[in-house]
Every structure is written in C-alpha cells, then in structure tokens.
Protein backbone atom coordinates (compact mmCIF):
# COMPACT_ATOMS: atom_id res chain seq x y z
CA MET A 1 -30.36 8.87 -11.17
CA GLU A 2 -28.85 7.35 -8.04
CA ILE A 3 -25.34 5.92 -8.19
CA LYS A 4 -24.96 2.60 -6.34
CA LYS A 5 -22.19 2.81 -3.77
CA PRO A 6 -20.09 -0.18 -2.69
CA ASP A 7 -21.26 -1.94 0.48
CA TYR A 8 -18.09 -0.81 2.26
CA TYR A 9 -18.81 2.87 1.58
CA ASN A 10 -19.12 4.81 4.89
CA ASP A 11 -18.24 1.75 6.99
CA LEU A 12 -14.71 1.79 8.44
CA ASP A 13 -14.74 -1.88 9.40
CA LYS A 14 -15.70 -2.89 5.86
CA ILE A 15 -13.16 -0.46 4.37
CA TYR A 16 -10.46 -2.09 6.51
CA LEU A 17 -11.45 -5.56 5.24
CA LYS A 18 -11.65 -4.32 1.64
CA THR A 19 -8.14 -2.87 1.91
CA TRP A 20 -6.73 -6.22 3.04
CA ASP A 21 -8.64 -7.95 0.22
CA LEU A 22 -7.04 -5.57 -2.29
CA LEU A 23 -3.60 -6.22 -0.78
CA GLU A 24 -4.14 -10.00 -0.94
CA ASN A 25 -5.21 -9.70 -4.57
CA GLY A 26 -2.18 -7.53 -5.33
CA LEU A 27 0.09 -10.13 -3.80
CA ALA A 28 -1.46 -12.99 -5.79
CA ASN A 29 -2.00 -11.20 -9.10
CA ARG A 30 0.85 -9.31 -10.74
CA ASN A 31 -1.67 -7.45 -12.95
CA ALA A 32 -3.66 -6.11 -9.98
CA PRO A 33 -3.26 -2.41 -9.13
CA PHE A 34 -2.13 -3.20 -5.57
CA HIS A 35 0.79 -5.31 -6.87
CA ILE A 36 2.75 -2.11 -7.46
CA PRO A 37 1.42 0.40 -4.92
CA VAL A 38 2.83 3.84 -4.23
CA PHE A 39 4.64 4.04 -0.89
CA ILE A 40 4.92 7.52 0.60
CA SER A 41 7.34 8.40 3.37
CA GLY A 42 8.21 11.73 4.88
CA ASN A 43 10.00 13.76 7.45
CA GLN A 44 8.43 16.99 8.70
CA ASN A 45 7.32 18.84 5.52
CA ILE A 46 9.26 16.75 2.99
CA PHE A 47 7.42 13.78 1.49
CA ASP A 48 8.40 11.36 -1.22
CA GLY A 49 6.20 8.85 -3.05
CA ARG A 50 7.64 5.91 -4.95
CA ILE A 51 6.30 2.86 -6.72
CA VAL A 52 7.27 -0.41 -5.04
CA VAL A 53 6.54 -4.11 -5.67
CA LEU A 54 4.32 -5.78 -3.07
CA ARG A 55 5.96 -8.99 -1.81
CA GLY A 56 4.18 -9.94 1.39
CA ILE A 57 1.38 -9.06 3.79
CA ASP A 58 0.36 -10.10 7.28
CA GLN A 59 -3.05 -8.87 8.36
CA LYS A 60 -2.61 -10.20 11.89
CA THR A 61 0.48 -8.06 12.56
CA LYS A 62 -0.63 -5.32 10.13
CA LYS A 63 2.61 -5.48 8.13
CA ILE A 64 3.37 -5.32 4.44
CA TRP A 65 6.64 -6.10 2.64
CA PHE A 66 7.81 -4.67 -0.62
CA HIS A 67 10.90 -4.84 -2.79
CA SER A 68 12.95 -1.93 -3.99
CA ASP A 69 16.39 -1.45 -5.47
CA ILE A 70 18.88 -0.74 -2.64
CA ARG A 71 20.56 1.86 -4.88
CA SER A 72 17.39 3.89 -5.35
CA ASN A 73 16.83 7.28 -3.79
CA LYS A 74 13.76 6.00 -1.92
CA VAL A 75 15.95 3.69 0.18
CA LYS A 76 18.13 6.64 1.22
CA ILE A 77 15.04 8.64 2.14
CA LEU A 78 13.57 5.77 4.18
CA LYS A 79 16.78 5.48 6.17
CA THR A 80 16.55 9.16 7.14
CA THR A 81 12.86 9.09 8.18
CA ARG A 82 13.00 6.49 10.91
C-alpha cells in the first residue's frame, strides 16, 4: 500500500510556500497549530524553546512577530543571545 505524500513533499519551493500558508492560517485562526508556535533560541550549546503567540507575519521581509510576557525567562534569554 502506497501512502500519498503532499504535493510539497521533496520540493523546497513548495515547502517554503506551505510554511507561509501555515503562518498565515495561524495568524488568522486562533485554533490553528501555528497560532502558538514554539520559538527556540540559543547561544553556543544552550538552547531554550518556548511557546509564543503569533501576532504578525511579513513574507516579503521574512519576519514574524510574536507576543510574550516581558517578565518571562524567555525574554531574558533572548536578550543574551543577540
């Protein structure tokens, strides 16, 4: 039995477009998985992954915006990994 693969499977250009589609859906739909993605940052061998809330995207400039509590540990870590 052959498993049908998505049309973007093994095609980097289509994967790129699919990723932006998922981000757009996450921005528009609070129940979509990409609405609360995991953001991972790191410095050398120390990495930290946190859940954030997606608040904006710009495919043209390849930027995404997310909200987080300024008091959270992830904000401290981001400030040290610039």
